[in-house]
PDB file of N, CA and C in Angstrom:
ATOM      1  N   MET A   1     -18.359  -4.753  15.680  1.00  0.00           N
ATOM      2  CA  MET A   1     -18.975  -4.143  15.056  1.00  0.00           C
ATOM      3  C   MET A   1     -18.688  -4.248  13.491  1.00  0.00           C
ATOM      4  N   LYS A   2     -19.319  -4.355  12.645  1.00  0.00           N
ATOM      5  CA  LYS A   2     -18.936  -4.464  10.946  1.00  0.00           C
ATOM      6  C   LYS A   2     -19.293  -3.183  10.771  1.00  0.00           C
ATOM      7  N   ARG A   3     -18.715  -2.415  10.036  1.00  0.00           N
ATOM      8  CA  ARG A   3     -18.742  -1.039   9.484  1.00  0.00           C
ATOM      9  C   ARG A   3     -18.702  -1.011   8.013  1.00  0.00           C
ATOM     10  N   VAL A   4     -20.098  -0.579   7.454  1.00  0.00           N
ATOM     11  CA  VAL A   4     -20.275  -0.883   5.857  1.00  0.00           C
ATOM     12  C   VAL A   4     -19.845   0.600   5.266  1.00  0.00           C
ATOM     13  N   TYR A   5     -18.834   0.715   4.612  1.00  0.00           N
ATOM     14  CA  TYR A   5     -18.424   1.950   3.752  1.00  0.00           C
ATOM     15  C   TYR A   5     -18.966   1.593   2.488  1.00  0.00           C
ATOM     16  N   ALA A   6     -20.300   2.138   2.068  1.00  0.00           N
ATOM     17  CA  ALA A   6     -20.806   2.522   1.241  1.00  0.00           C
ATOM     18  C   ALA A   6     -22.089   2.981   1.368  1.00  0.00           C
ATOM     19  N   SER A   7     -22.420   3.942   0.224  1.00  0.00           N
ATOM     20  CA  SER A   7     -23.576   4.567   0.467  1.00  0.00           C
ATOM     21  C   SER A   7     -25.098   3.905  -0.200  1.00  0.00           C
ATOM     22  N   THR A   8     -24.698   2.292  -0.731  1.00  0.00           N
ATOM     23  CA  THR A   8     -25.988   1.427  -0.985  1.00  0.00           C
ATOM     24  C   THR A   8     -25.767   0.043  -0.202  1.00  0.00           C
ATOM     25  N   ILE A   9     -26.650  -0.132   0.631  1.00  0.00           N
ATOM     26  CA  ILE A   9     -26.353  -1.494   1.239  1.00  0.00           C
ATOM     27  C   ILE A   9     -27.477  -2.463   0.616  1.00  0.00           C
ATOM     28  N   GLY A  10     -27.058  -3.519   0.441  1.00  0.00           N
ATOM     29  CA  GLY A  10     -27.597  -4.717  -0.084  1.00  0.00           C
ATOM     30  C   GLY A  10     -28.264  -5.726   0.761  1.00  0.00           C
ATOM     31  N   ILE A  11     -29.326  -6.303   0.597  1.00  0.00           N
ATOM     32  CA  ILE A  11     -29.978  -7.459   1.524  1.00  0.00           C
ATOM     33  C   ILE A  11     -30.128  -8.373   0.564  1.00  0.00           C
ATOM     34  N   ASP A  12     -29.896  -9.377   0.526  1.00  0.00           N
ATOM     35  CA  ASP A  12     -30.113 -10.681   0.025  1.00  0.00           C
ATOM     36  C   ASP A  12     -30.731 -11.802   0.874  1.00  0.00           C
ATOM     37  N   GLN A  13     -31.613 -12.564   0.512  1.00  0.00           N
ATOM     38  CA  GLN A  13     -31.917 -13.896   1.529  1.00  0.00           C
ATOM     39  C   GLN A  13     -32.650 -14.645   0.690  1.00  0.00           C
ATOM     40  N   GLY A  14     -32.856 -15.866   1.419  1.00  0.00           N
ATOM     41  CA  GLY A  14     -33.138 -16.910   0.735  1.00  0.00           C
ATOM     42  C   GLY A  14     -33.460 -18.349   1.908  1.00  0.00           C
ATOM     43  N   THR A  15     -34.067 -19.335   1.350  1.00  0.00           N
ATOM     44  CA  THR A  15     -34.403 -20.337   2.396  1.00  0.00           C
ATOM     45  C   THR A  15     -33.720 -21.527   1.068  1.00  0.00           C
ATOM     46  N   GLU A  16     -33.154 -22.673   2.068  1.00  0.00           N
ATOM     47  CA  GLU A  16     -32.713 -23.717   1.516  1.00  0.00           C
ATOM     48  C   GLU A  16     -32.864 -25.214   2.244  1.00  0.00           C
ATOM     49  N   MET A  17     -33.262 -26.143   1.635  1.00  0.00           N
ATOM     50  CA  MET A  17     -33.811 -27.642   1.979  1.00  0.00           C
ATOM     51  C   MET A  17     -32.151 -27.972   2.302  1.00  0.00           C
ATOM     52  N   LEU A  18     -32.016 -28.303   3.682  1.00  0.00           N
ATOM     53  CA  LEU A  18     -30.755 -28.832   3.663  1.00  0.00           C
ATOM     54  C   LEU A  18     -30.353 -30.157   3.614  1.00  0.00           C
ATOM     55  N   PHE A  19     -31.733 -30.883   4.162  1.00  0.00           N
ATOM     56  CA  PHE A  19     -31.721 -32.399   3.757  1.00  0.00           C
ATOM     57  C   PHE A  19     -32.883 -33.040   4.201  1.00  0.00           C
ATOM     58  N   SER A  20     -33.369 -33.929   3.673  1.00  0.00           N
ATOM     59  CA  SER A  20     -34.581 -34.726   3.973  1.00  0.00           C
ATOM     60  C   SER A  20     -34.020 -36.276   4.144  1.00  0.00           C
ATOM     61  N   ASP A  21     -33.472 -36.646   5.269  1.00  0.00           N
ATOM     62  CA  ASP A  21     -32.982 -38.164   5.480  1.00  0.00           C
ATOM     63  C   ASP A  21     -34.182 -39.013   5.770  1.00  0.00           C
ATOM     64  N   PHE A  22     -35.206 -38.901   6.357  1.00  0.00           N
ATOM     65  CA  PHE A  22     -36.115 -39.592   6.726  1.00  0.00           C
ATOM     66  C   PHE A  22     -36.713 -40.537   5.619  1.00  0.00           C
ATOM     67  N   ASP A  23     -36.701 -39.997   4.427  1.00  0.00           N
ATOM     68  CA  ASP A  23     -37.585 -40.782   3.371  1.00  0.00           C
ATOM     69  C   ASP A  23     -36.239 -41.839   2.731  1.00  0.00           C
ATOM     70  N   THR A  24     -35.019 -41.413   2.805  1.00  0.00           N
ATOM     71  CA  THR A  24     -33.855 -42.553   2.075  1.00  0.00           C
ATOM     72  C   THR A  24     -33.255 -43.054   3.136  1.00  0.00           C
ATOM     73  N   ASP A  25     -33.474 -42.979   4.263  1.00  0.00           N
ATOM     74  CA  ASP A  25     -32.495 -43.846   5.610  1.00  0.00           C
ATOM     75  C   ASP A  25     -31.049 -43.170   5.575  1.00  0.00           C
ATOM     76  N   GLY A  26     -31.151 -42.035   5.441  1.00  0.00           N
ATOM     77  CA  GLY A  26     -29.893 -41.120   5.488  1.00  0.00           C
ATOM     78  C   GLY A  26     -29.171 -41.174   6.774  1.00  0.00           C
ATOM     79  N   ASP A  27     -27.807 -40.461   6.937  1.00  0.00           N
ATOM     80  CA  ASP A  27     -27.289 -40.641   8.364  1.00  0.00           C
ATOM     81  C   ASP A  27     -27.639 -39.730   9.293  1.00  0.00           C
ATOM     82  N   MET A  28     -28.295 -38.539   8.634  1.00  0.00           N
ATOM     83  CA  MET A  28     -28.922 -37.558   9.820  1.00  0.00           C
ATOM     84  C   MET A  28     -30.277 -38.350  10.380  1.00  0.00           C
ATOM     85  N   TRP A  29     -30.807 -39.411  10.140  1.00  0.00           N
ATOM     86  CA  TRP A  29     -32.029 -39.919  10.464  1.00  0.00           C
ATOM     87  C   TRP A  29     -31.400 -41.079  11.340  1.00  0.00           C
ATOM     88  N   THR A  30     -30.556 -41.915  10.390  1.00  0.00           N
ATOM     89  CA  THR A  30     -30.140 -43.396  10.777  1.00  0.00           C
ATOM     90  C   THR A  30     -28.521 -43.536  11.724  1.00  0.00           C
ATOM     91  N   GLY A  31     -28.065 -42.189  11.670  1.00  0.00           N
ATOM     92  CA  GLY A  31     -26.763 -42.399  12.171  1.00  0.00           C
ATOM     93  C   GLY A  31     -26.348 -42.166  13.834  1.00  0.00           C
ATOM     94  N   ASN A  32     -25.276 -42.083  14.062  1.00  0.00           N
ATOM     95  CA  ASN A  32     -24.808 -41.390  15.279  1.00  0.00           C
ATOM     96  C   ASN A  32     -23.521 -41.021  15.156  1.00  0.00           C
ATOM     97  N   GLY A  33     -23.141 -40.229  16.313  1.00  0.00           N
ATOM     98  CA  GLY A  33     -22.029 -39.648  16.467  1.00  0.00           C
ATOM     99  C   GLY A  33     -22.273 -38.230  15.290  1.00  0.00           C
ATOM    100  N   PRO A  34     -20.802 -37.624  15.371  1.00  0.00           N
ATOM    101  CA  PRO A  34     -20.881 -36.210  14.614  1.00  0.00           C
ATOM    102  C   PRO A  34     -21.284 -36.328  13.183  1.00  0.00           C
ATOM    103  N   ARG A  35     -22.128 -35.392  12.539  1.00  0.00           N
ATOM    104  CA  ARG A  35     -22.529 -35.468  11.259  1.00  0.00           C
ATOM    105  C   ARG A  35     -22.964 -34.094  10.643  1.00  0.00           C
ATOM    106  N   GLU A  36     -22.576 -33.780   9.278  1.00  0.00           N
ATOM    107  CA  GLU A  36     -22.359 -32.208   8.792  1.00  0.00           C
ATOM    108  C   GLU A  36     -23.144 -32.751   7.669  1.00  0.00           C
ATOM    109  N   ARG A  37     -24.020 -31.584   7.146  1.00  0.00           N
ATOM    110  CA  ARG A  37     -24.177 -31.040   5.759  1.00  0.00           C
ATOM    111  C   ARG A  37     -24.099 -29.913   5.464  1.00  0.00           C
ATOM    112  N   ARG A  38     -23.643 -29.734   4.120  1.00  0.00           N
ATOM    113  CA  ARG A  38     -23.095 -28.395   3.852  1.00  0.00           C
ATOM    114  C   ARG A  38     -23.924 -27.908   2.738  1.00  0.00           C
ATOM    115  N   VAL A  39     -24.304 -26.933   2.668  1.00  0.00           N
ATOM    116  CA  VAL A  39     -25.322 -26.179   0.842  1.00  0.00           C
ATOM    117  C   VAL A  39     -24.480 -25.143   0.753  1.00  0.00           C
ATOM    118  N   ALA A  40     -23.797 -25.207  -0.741  1.00  0.00           N
ATOM    119  CA  ALA A  40     -23.346 -23.934  -1.055  1.00  0.00           C
ATOM    120  C   ALA A  40     -24.431 -22.984  -1.601  1.00  0.00           C
ATOM    121  N   ILE A  41     -24.465 -21.503  -1.114  1.00  0.00           N
ATOM    122  CA  ILE A  41     -25.330 -20.775  -1.452  1.00  0.00           C
ATOM    123  C   ILE A  41     -24.531 -19.466  -2.487  1.00  0.00           C
ATOM    124  N   THR A  42     -25.268 -19.420  -3.580  1.00  0.00           N
ATOM    125  CA  THR A  42     -24.703 -18.107  -4.258  1.00  0.00           C
ATOM    126  C   THR A  42     -25.723 -17.070  -4.270  1.00  0.00           C
ATOM    127  N   PHE A  43     -24.960 -15.824  -3.751  1.00  0.00           N
ATOM    128  CA  PHE A  43     -25.967 -14.826  -3.884  1.00  0.00           C
ATOM    129  C   PHE A  43     -26.570 -14.142  -5.259  1.00  0.00           C
ATOM    130  N   SER A  44     -27.634 -13.287  -4.837  1.00  0.00           N
ATOM    131  CA  SER A  44     -28.341 -13.177  -6.278  1.00  0.00           C
ATOM    132  C   SER A  44     -27.325 -12.027  -7.354  1.00  0.00           C
ATOM    133  N   GLU A  45     -26.592 -11.021  -6.512  1.00  0.00           N
ATOM    134  CA  GLU A  45     -25.502  -9.825  -6.934  1.00  0.00           C
ATOM    135  C   GLU A  45     -24.555 -10.255  -5.821  1.00  0.00           C
ATOM    136  N   ASN A  46     -23.063  -9.393  -6.528  1.00  0.00           N
ATOM    137  CA  ASN A  46     -22.097  -9.881  -5.752  1.00  0.00           C
ATOM    138  C   ASN A  46     -21.863  -8.450  -4.749  1.00  0.00           C
ATOM    139  N   PHE A  47     -21.591  -8.644  -3.631  1.00  0.00           N
ATOM    140  CA  PHE A  47     -21.046  -7.581  -2.369  1.00  0.00           C
ATOM    141  C   PHE A  47     -19.969  -7.234  -2.850  1.00  0.00           C
ATOM    142  N   LYS A  48     -19.774  -5.860  -2.482  1.00  0.00           N
ATOM    143  CA  LYS A  48     -18.138  -4.960  -2.519  1.00  0.00           C
ATOM    144  C   LYS A  48     -17.396  -5.875  -1.436  1.00  0.00           C
ATOM    145  N   ASN A  49     -18.047  -6.037  -0.389  1.00  0.00           N
ATOM    146  CA  ASN A  49     -16.779  -7.010   0.318  1.00  0.00           C
ATOM    147  C   ASN A  49     -17.782  -7.910   1.054  1.00  0.00           C
ATOM    148  N   LYS A  50     -17.033  -8.868   1.746  1.00  0.00           N
ATOM    149  CA  LYS A  50     -17.539  -9.984   2.452  1.00  0.00           C
ATOM    150  C   LYS A  50     -18.898  -9.478   3.387  1.00  0.00           C
ATOM    151  N   PRO A  51     -20.158  -9.958   2.904  1.00  0.00           N
ATOM    152  CA  PRO A  51     -21.184  -9.574   3.760  1.00  0.00           C
ATOM    153  C   PRO A  51     -21.308 -10.292   5.334  1.00  0.00           C
ATOM    154  N   ASN A  52     -21.962  -9.523   5.978  1.00  0.00           N
ATOM    155  CA  ASN A  52     -22.692 -10.318   7.259  1.00  0.00           C
ATOM    156  C   ASN A  52     -23.777 -11.269   6.858  1.00  0.00           C
ATOM    157  N   VAL A  53     -23.702 -12.489   7.431  1.00  0.00           N
ATOM    158  CA  VAL A  53     -24.694 -13.540   6.934  1.00  0.00           C
ATOM    159  C   VAL A  53     -25.448 -14.130   8.011  1.00  0.00           C
ATOM    160  N   MET A  54     -26.843 -14.155   8.240  1.00  0.00           N
ATOM    161  CA  MET A  54     -27.635 -14.881   9.359  1.00  0.00           C
ATOM    162  C   MET A  54     -27.971 -15.856   8.770  1.00  0.00           C
ATOM    163  N   VAL A  55     -28.079 -16.908   9.530  1.00  0.00           N
ATOM    164  CA  VAL A  55     -28.617 -18.135   9.532  1.00  0.00           C
ATOM    165  C   VAL A  55     -29.545 -18.726  10.326  1.00  0.00           C
ATOM    166  N   THR A  56     -30.738 -19.226  10.115  1.00  0.00           N
ATOM    167  CA  THR A  56     -31.738 -19.604  11.226  1.00  0.00           C
ATOM    168  C   THR A  56     -32.164 -21.085  10.811  1.00  0.00           C
ATOM    169  N   LEU A  57     -32.631 -21.779  11.294  1.00  0.00           N
ATOM    170  CA  LEU A  57     -33.564 -22.909  11.082  1.00  0.00           C
ATOM    171  C   LEU A  57     -34.801 -22.686  10.844  1.00  0.00           C
ATOM    172  N   GLU A  58     -35.467 -22.764   9.941  1.00  0.00           N
ATOM    173  CA  GLU A  58     -36.786 -22.111   9.577  1.00  0.00           C
ATOM    174  C   GLU A  58     -37.758 -23.504   9.787  1.00  0.00           C
ATOM    175  N   MET A  59     -37.060 -24.843   9.548  1.00  0.00           N
ATOM    176  CA  MET A  59     -38.434 -25.962   9.734  1.00  0.00           C
ATOM    177  C   MET A  59     -37.090 -27.142   9.910  1.00  0.00           C
ATOM    178  N   PHE A  60     -36.945 -27.716  10.863  1.00  0.00           N
ATOM    179  CA  PHE A  60     -36.467 -28.980  11.493  1.00  0.00           C
ATOM    180  C   PHE A  60     -37.730 -30.094  12.010  1.00  0.00           C
ATOM    181  N   ASP A  61     -37.451 -31.189  11.789  1.00  0.00           N
ATOM    182  CA  ASP A  61     -38.185 -32.319  12.090  1.00  0.00           C
ATOM    183  C   ASP A  61     -37.616 -33.751  12.719  1.00  0.00           C
ATOM    184  N   MET A  62     -37.404 -33.549  14.203  1.00  0.00           N
ATOM    185  CA  MET A  62     -36.423 -34.269  14.870  1.00  0.00           C
ATOM    186  C   MET A  62     -37.183 -35.319  15.704  1.00  0.00           C
ATOM    187  N   ASP A  63     -36.626 -36.454  15.827  1.00  0.00           N
ATOM    188  CA  ASP A  63     -37.070 -37.778  16.498  1.00  0.00           C
ATOM    189  C   ASP A  63     -37.241 -37.102  18.236  1.00  0.00           C
ATOM    190  N   SER A  64     -38.379 -37.441  18.840  1.00  0.00           N
ATOM    191  CA  SER A  64     -38.819 -36.833  19.943  1.00  0.00           C
ATOM    192  C   SER A  64     -37.742 -37.760  21.057  1.00  0.00           C
ATOM    193  N   GLY A  65     -37.576 -39.273  20.740  1.00  0.00           N
ATOM    194  CA  GLY A  65     -36.982 -39.933  21.552  1.00  0.00           C
ATOM    195  C   GLY A  65     -35.448 -39.907  21.782  1.00  0.00           C
ATOM    196  N   THR A  66     -34.846 -39.253  21.331  1.00  0.00           N
ATOM    197  CA  THR A  66     -33.371 -38.624  21.331  1.00  0.00           C
ATOM    198  C   THR A  66     -33.326 -37.409  21.950  1.00  0.00           C
ATOM    199  N   ASN A  67     -31.981 -36.886  22.153  1.00  0.00           N
ATOM    200  CA  ASN A  67     -31.366 -35.595  22.518  1.00  0.00           C
ATOM    201  C   ASN A  67     -31.525 -34.799  21.338  1.00  0.00           C
ATOM    202  N   GLN A  68     -32.044 -33.407  21.446  1.00  0.00           N
ATOM    203  CA  GLN A  68     -32.146 -32.651  20.473  1.00  0.00           C
ATOM    204  C   GLN A  68     -30.914 -31.430  20.103  1.00  0.00           C
ATOM    205  N   ARG A  69     -30.025 -32.107  19.263  1.00  0.00           N
ATOM    206  CA  ARG A  69     -28.927 -30.917  19.280  1.00  0.00           C
ATOM    207  C   ARG A  69     -28.588 -30.770  17.778  1.00  0.00           C
ATOM    208  N   ALA A  70     -28.389 -29.532  17.517  1.00  0.00           N
ATOM    209  CA  ALA A  70     -28.134 -28.918  16.068  1.00  0.00           C
ATOM    210  C   ALA A  70     -27.481 -27.542  16.283  1.00  0.00           C
ATOM    211  N   GLU A  71     -26.534 -27.243  15.459  1.00  0.00           N
ATOM    212  CA  GLU A  71     -25.983 -25.969  14.704  1.00  0.00           C
ATOM    213  C   GLU A  71     -25.742 -25.580  13.709  1.00  0.00           C
ATOM    214  N   THR A  72     -26.381 -24.415  13.136  1.00  0.00           N
ATOM    215  CA  THR A  72     -26.379 -24.188  11.591  1.00  0.00           C
ATOM    216  C   THR A  72     -25.836 -22.874  12.015  1.00  0.00           C
ATOM    217  N   VAL A  73     -24.909 -22.889  10.970  1.00  0.00           N
ATOM    218  CA  VAL A  73     -23.915 -21.526  11.048  1.00  0.00           C
ATOM    219  C   VAL A  73     -23.559 -21.525   9.397  1.00  0.00           C
ATOM    220  N   ALA A  74     -22.977 -20.093   8.893  1.00  0.00           N
ATOM    221  CA  ALA A  74     -22.604 -19.929   7.945  1.00  0.00           C
ATOM    222  C   ALA A  74     -21.177 -19.848   7.630  1.00  0.00           C
ATOM    223  N   GLU A  75     -20.272 -20.462   7.070  1.00  0.00           N
ATOM    224  CA  GLU A  75     -19.051 -20.274   7.079  1.00  0.00           C
ATOM    225  C   GLU A  75     -18.437 -20.335   5.250  1.00  0.00           C
ATOM    226  N   ASN A  76     -17.441 -20.048   5.112  1.00  0.00           N
ATOM    227  CA  ASN A  76     -16.692 -19.657   3.675  1.00  0.00           C
ATOM    228  C   ASN A  76     -17.585 -18.566   3.042  1.00  0.00           C
ATOM    229  N   ILE A  77     -17.731 -17.413   3.804  1.00  0.00           N
ATOM    230  CA  ILE A  77     -18.406 -16.266   3.317  1.00  0.00           C
ATOM    231  C   ILE A  77     -17.169 -15.349   2.402  1.00  0.00           C
ATOM    232  N   THR A  78     -18.072 -15.116   1.204  1.00  0.00           N
ATOM    233  CA  THR A  78     -17.299 -14.559   0.296  1.00  0.00           C
ATOM    234  C   THR A  78     -18.185 -13.349  -0.070  1.00  0.00           C
ATOM    235  N   GLU A  79     -17.708 -12.394  -1.180  1.00  0.00           N
ATOM    236  CA  GLU A  79     -18.550 -11.477  -1.903  1.00  0.00           C
ATOM    237  C   GLU A  79     -19.696 -12.135  -2.713  1.00  0.00           C
ATOM    238  N   THR A  80     -19.093 -13.499  -3.087  1.00  0.00           N
ATOM    239  CA  THR A  80     -20.406 -13.998  -4.253  1.00  0.00           C
ATOM    240  C   THR A  80     -21.247 -15.082  -3.307  1.00  0.00           C
ATOM    241  N   GLY A  81     -20.900 -15.616  -2.052  1.00  0.00           N
ATOM    242  CA  GLY A  81     -21.845 -16.584  -1.715  1.00  0.00           C
ATOM    243  C   GLY A  81     -21.187 -17.065  -0.342  1.00  0.00           C
ATOM    244  N   CYS A  82     -22.008 -18.132   0.373  1.00  0.00           N
ATOM    245  CA  CYS A  82     -21.414 -18.975   1.490  1.00  0.00           C
ATOM    246  C   CYS A  82     -21.871 -20.271   1.522  1.00  0.00           C
ATOM    247  N   ASP A  83     -21.284 -21.294   2.427  1.00  0.00           N
ATOM    248  CA  ASP A  83     -21.743 -22.270   2.604  1.00  0.00           C
ATOM    249  C   ASP A  83     -22.649 -22.204   4.463  1.00  0.00           C
ATOM    250  N   ILE A  84     -24.078 -22.961   4.230  1.00  0.00           N
ATOM    251  CA  ILE A  84     -25.103 -23.232   5.122  1.00  0.00           C
ATOM    252  C   ILE A  84     -24.561 -24.342   5.622  1.00  0.00           C
ATOM    253  N   VAL A  85     -23.960 -24.675   6.785  1.00  0.00           N
ATOM    254  CA  VAL A  85     -23.418 -25.751   7.686  1.00  0.00           C
ATOM    255  C   VAL A  85     -24.475 -26.271   8.454  1.00  0.00           C
ATOM    256  N   PHE A  86     -25.004 -27.284   8.637  1.00  0.00           N
ATOM    257  CA  PHE A  86     -25.797 -27.908   9.557  1.00  0.00           C
ATOM    258  C   PHE A  86     -25.112 -28.934  10.285  1.00  0.00           C
ATOM    259  N   ARG A  87     -24.531 -29.306  11.419  1.00  0.00           N
ATOM    260  CA  ARG A  87     -24.143 -30.260  12.333  1.00  0.00           C
ATOM    261  C   ARG A  87     -25.010 -30.716  13.376  1.00  0.00           C
ATOM    262  N   THR A  88     -24.930 -32.007  13.498  1.00  0.00           N
ATOM    263  CA  THR A  88     -25.622 -32.710  14.848  1.00  0.00           C
ATOM    264  C   THR A  88     -24.668 -33.712  15.295  1.00  0.00           C
ATOM    265  N   TRP A  89     -24.750 -34.280  16.535  1.00  0.00           N
ATOM    266  CA  TRP A  89     -23.787 -35.054  17.109  1.00  0.00           C
ATOM    267  C   TRP A  89     -24.514 -36.244  17.930  1.00  0.00           C
ATOM    268  N   GLY A  90     -24.009 -37.075  18.676  1.00  0.00           N
ATOM    269  CA  GLY A  90     -24.489 -38.204  19.833  1.00  0.00           C
ATOM    270  C   GLY A  90     -25.620 -38.909  18.804  1.00  0.00           C
ATOM    271  N   ASP A  91     -26.603 -39.016  19.543  1.00  0.00           N
ATOM    272  CA  ASP A  91     -27.585 -39.920  19.168  1.00  0.00           C
ATOM    273  C   ASP A  91     -28.766 -39.190  18.560  1.00  0.00           C
ATOM    274  N   THR A  92     -28.803 -37.968  18.346  1.00  0.00           N
ATOM    275  CA  THR A  92     -29.924 -37.088  17.675  1.00  0.00           C
ATOM    276  C   THR A  92     -30.028 -37.698  16.400  1.00  0.00           C
ATOM    277  N   LYS A  93     -31.309 -37.908  15.888  1.00  0.00           N
ATOM    278  CA  LYS A  93     -31.679 -38.097  14.714  1.00  0.00           C
ATOM    279  C   LYS A  93     -32.852 -37.275  14.197  1.00  0.00           C
ATOM    280  N   ILE A  94     -32.465 -36.613  12.997  1.00  0.00           N
ATOM    281  CA  ILE A  94     -33.349 -35.353  12.472  1.00  0.00           C
ATOM    282  C   ILE A  94     -33.625 -36.219  11.163  1.00  0.00           C
ATOM    283  N   ALA A  95     -34.749 -35.893  10.916  1.00  0.00           N
ATOM    284  CA  ALA A  95     -35.502 -36.289   9.550  1.00  0.00           C
ATOM    285  C   ALA A  95     -35.496 -35.335   8.422  1.00  0.00           C
ATOM    286  N   ARG A  96     -35.775 -33.909   8.699  1.00  0.00           N
ATOM    287  CA  ARG A  96     -35.413 -32.926   7.525  1.00  0.00           C
ATOM    288  C   ARG A  96     -35.137 -31.582   7.933  1.00  0.00           C
ATOM    289  N   ALA A  97     -34.361 -30.878   7.491  1.00  0.00           N
ATOM    290  CA  ALA A  97     -34.026 -29.563   7.996  1.00  0.00           C
ATOM    291  C   ALA A  97     -33.780 -28.602   7.081  1.00  0.00           C
ATOM    292  N   ARG A  98     -34.996 -27.102   7.045  1.00  0.00           N
ATOM    293  CA  ARG A  98     -34.586 -26.355   6.181  1.00  0.00           C
ATOM    294  C   ARG A  98     -34.093 -24.802   7.001  1.00  0.00           C
ATOM    295  N   ALA A  99     -33.166 -24.197   6.187  1.00  0.00           N
ATOM    296  CA  ALA A  99     -32.559 -22.908   6.747  1.00  0.00           C
ATOM    297  C   ALA A  99     -32.913 -21.559   6.036  1.00  0.00           C
ATOM    298  N   ALA A 100     -33.288 -20.678   6.610  1.00  0.00           N
ATOM    299  CA  ALA A 100     -33.218 -19.400   6.169  1.00  0.00           C
ATOM    300  C   ALA A 100     -32.103 -18.681   6.298  1.00  0.00           C
ATOM    301  N   TRP A 101     -31.694 -17.712   5.274  1.00  0.00           N
ATOM    302  CA  TRP A 101     -30.706 -16.904   5.358  1.00  0.00           C
ATOM    303  C   TRP A 101     -30.561 -15.588   4.996  1.00  0.00           C
ATOM    304  N   MET A 102     -29.875 -14.471   5.536  1.00  0.00           N
ATOM    305  CA  MET A 102     -29.835 -13.034   4.891  1.00  0.00           C
ATOM    306  C   MET A 102     -28.416 -12.961   5.313  1.00  0.00           C
ATOM    307  N   ALA A 103     -28.075 -12.198   4.100  1.00  0.00           N
ATOM    308  CA  ALA A 103     -26.893 -11.246   3.669  1.00  0.00           C
ATOM    309  C   ALA A 103     -27.046 -10.090   3.641  1.00  0.00           C
ATOM    310  N   ILE A 104     -26.430  -9.066   4.650  1.00  0.00           N
ATOM    311  CA  ILE A 104     -26.180  -7.892   4.349  1.00  0.00           C
ATOM    312  C   ILE A 104     -24.837  -7.160   4.358  1.00  0.00           C
ATOM    313  N   GLY A 105     -24.553  -6.094   3.498  1.00  0.00           N
ATOM    314  CA  GLY A 105     -23.281  -5.597   2.966  1.00  0.00           C
ATOM    315  C   GLY A 105     -23.536  -4.812   2.049  1.00  0.00           C
ATOM    316  N   GLY A 106     -22.415  -3.917   1.807  1.00  0.00           N
ATOM    317  CA  GLY A 106     -22.257  -2.762   0.839  1.00  0.00           C
ATOM    318  C   GLY A 106     -22.648  -3.634  -0.742  1.00  0.00           C
ATOM    319  N   VAL A 107     -22.964  -2.698  -1.450  1.00  0.00           N
ATOM    320  CA  VAL A 107     -23.105  -3.137  -2.999  1.00  0.00           C
ATOM    321  C   VAL A 107     -22.656  -1.790  -3.616  1.00  0.00           C
ATOM    322  N   ASP A 108     -22.271  -1.945  -5.149  1.00  0.00           N
ATOM    323  CA  ASP A 108     -21.994  -1.246  -5.968  1.00  0.00           C
ATOM    324  C   ASP A 108     -23.224  -0.320  -6.440  1.00  0.00           C
ATOM    325  N   ALA A 109     -23.459   0.977  -6.955  1.00  0.00           N
ATOM    326  CA  ALA A 109     -24.623   1.319  -7.573  1.00  0.00           C
ATOM    327  C   ALA A 109     -23.859   2.382  -8.549  1.00  0.00           C
ATOM    328  N   ALA A 110     -24.786   2.606  -9.812  1.00  0.00           N
ATOM    329  CA  ALA A 110     -24.184   3.198 -10.769  1.00  0.00           C
ATOM    330  C   ALA A 110     -23.898   4.668 -10.575  1.00  0.00           C
ATOM    331  N   ASP A 111     -24.481   5.348  -9.468  1.00  0.00           N
ATOM    332  CA  ASP A 111     -23.708   6.532  -8.934  1.00  0.00           C
ATOM    333  C   ASP A 111     -22.892   6.758  -7.999  1.00  0.00           C
ATOM    334  N   ASN A 112     -22.421   5.887  -7.839  1.00  0.00           N
ATOM    335  CA  ASN A 112     -21.088   5.566  -6.820  1.00  0.00           C
ATOM    336  C   ASN A 112     -19.654   5.972  -7.675  1.00  0.00           C
ATOM    337  N   TRP A 113     -19.638   6.858  -8.412  1.00  0.00           N
ATOM    338  CA  TRP A 113     -18.381   7.135  -9.235  1.00  0.00           C
ATOM    339  C   TRP A 113     -17.004   6.848  -8.677  1.00  0.00           C
ATOM    340  N   ASP A 114     -17.263   7.611  -7.179  1.00  0.00           N
ATOM    341  CA  ASP A 114     -15.869   7.552  -6.796  1.00  0.00           C
ATOM    342  C   ASP A 114     -15.287   6.005  -6.019  1.00  0.00           C
ATOM    343  N   GLU A 115     -16.283   5.278  -5.718  1.00  0.00           N
ATOM    344  CA  GLU A 115     -16.029   3.856  -5.213  1.00  0.00           C
ATOM    345  C   GLU A 115     -15.902   2.743  -6.391  1.00  0.00           C
ATOM    346  N   MET A 116     -16.635   3.229  -7.841  1.00  0.00           N
ATOM    347  CA  MET A 116     -16.527   2.117  -8.587  1.00  0.00           C
ATOM    348  C   MET A 116     -15.338   2.286  -9.450  1.00  0.00           C
ATOM    349  N   TYR A 117     -14.652   3.378  -9.629  1.00  0.00           N
ATOM    350  CA  TYR A 117     -13.674   3.613 -10.402  1.00  0.00           C
ATOM    351  C   TYR A 117     -12.424   4.271 -10.013  1.00  0.00           C
TER     352      TYR A 117
END
């Protein structure tokens, strides 16, 4: 369990289009084997410490004729942002994918004198 030692908790969230490879014949749609897309996220405000980040697929469009394999995670998490990483492998063909994310952690507040100074 991650404990947040702050009197103020911040929650930031958003959505990101990870790719749309169907229109461009990109490698997520036409390729085989291990493939990865990485999208950098910048939080709207800095957290005091590294926040907890949750990522989920909000939309995906996969070919029904191949195995459906996907992994979506947050990596390189810092107080200012993170990377959303989408991976697939084998013969999976993915036309497009969009992710939703939420970051939760301690933030500074104007009345937190002991924590700010």
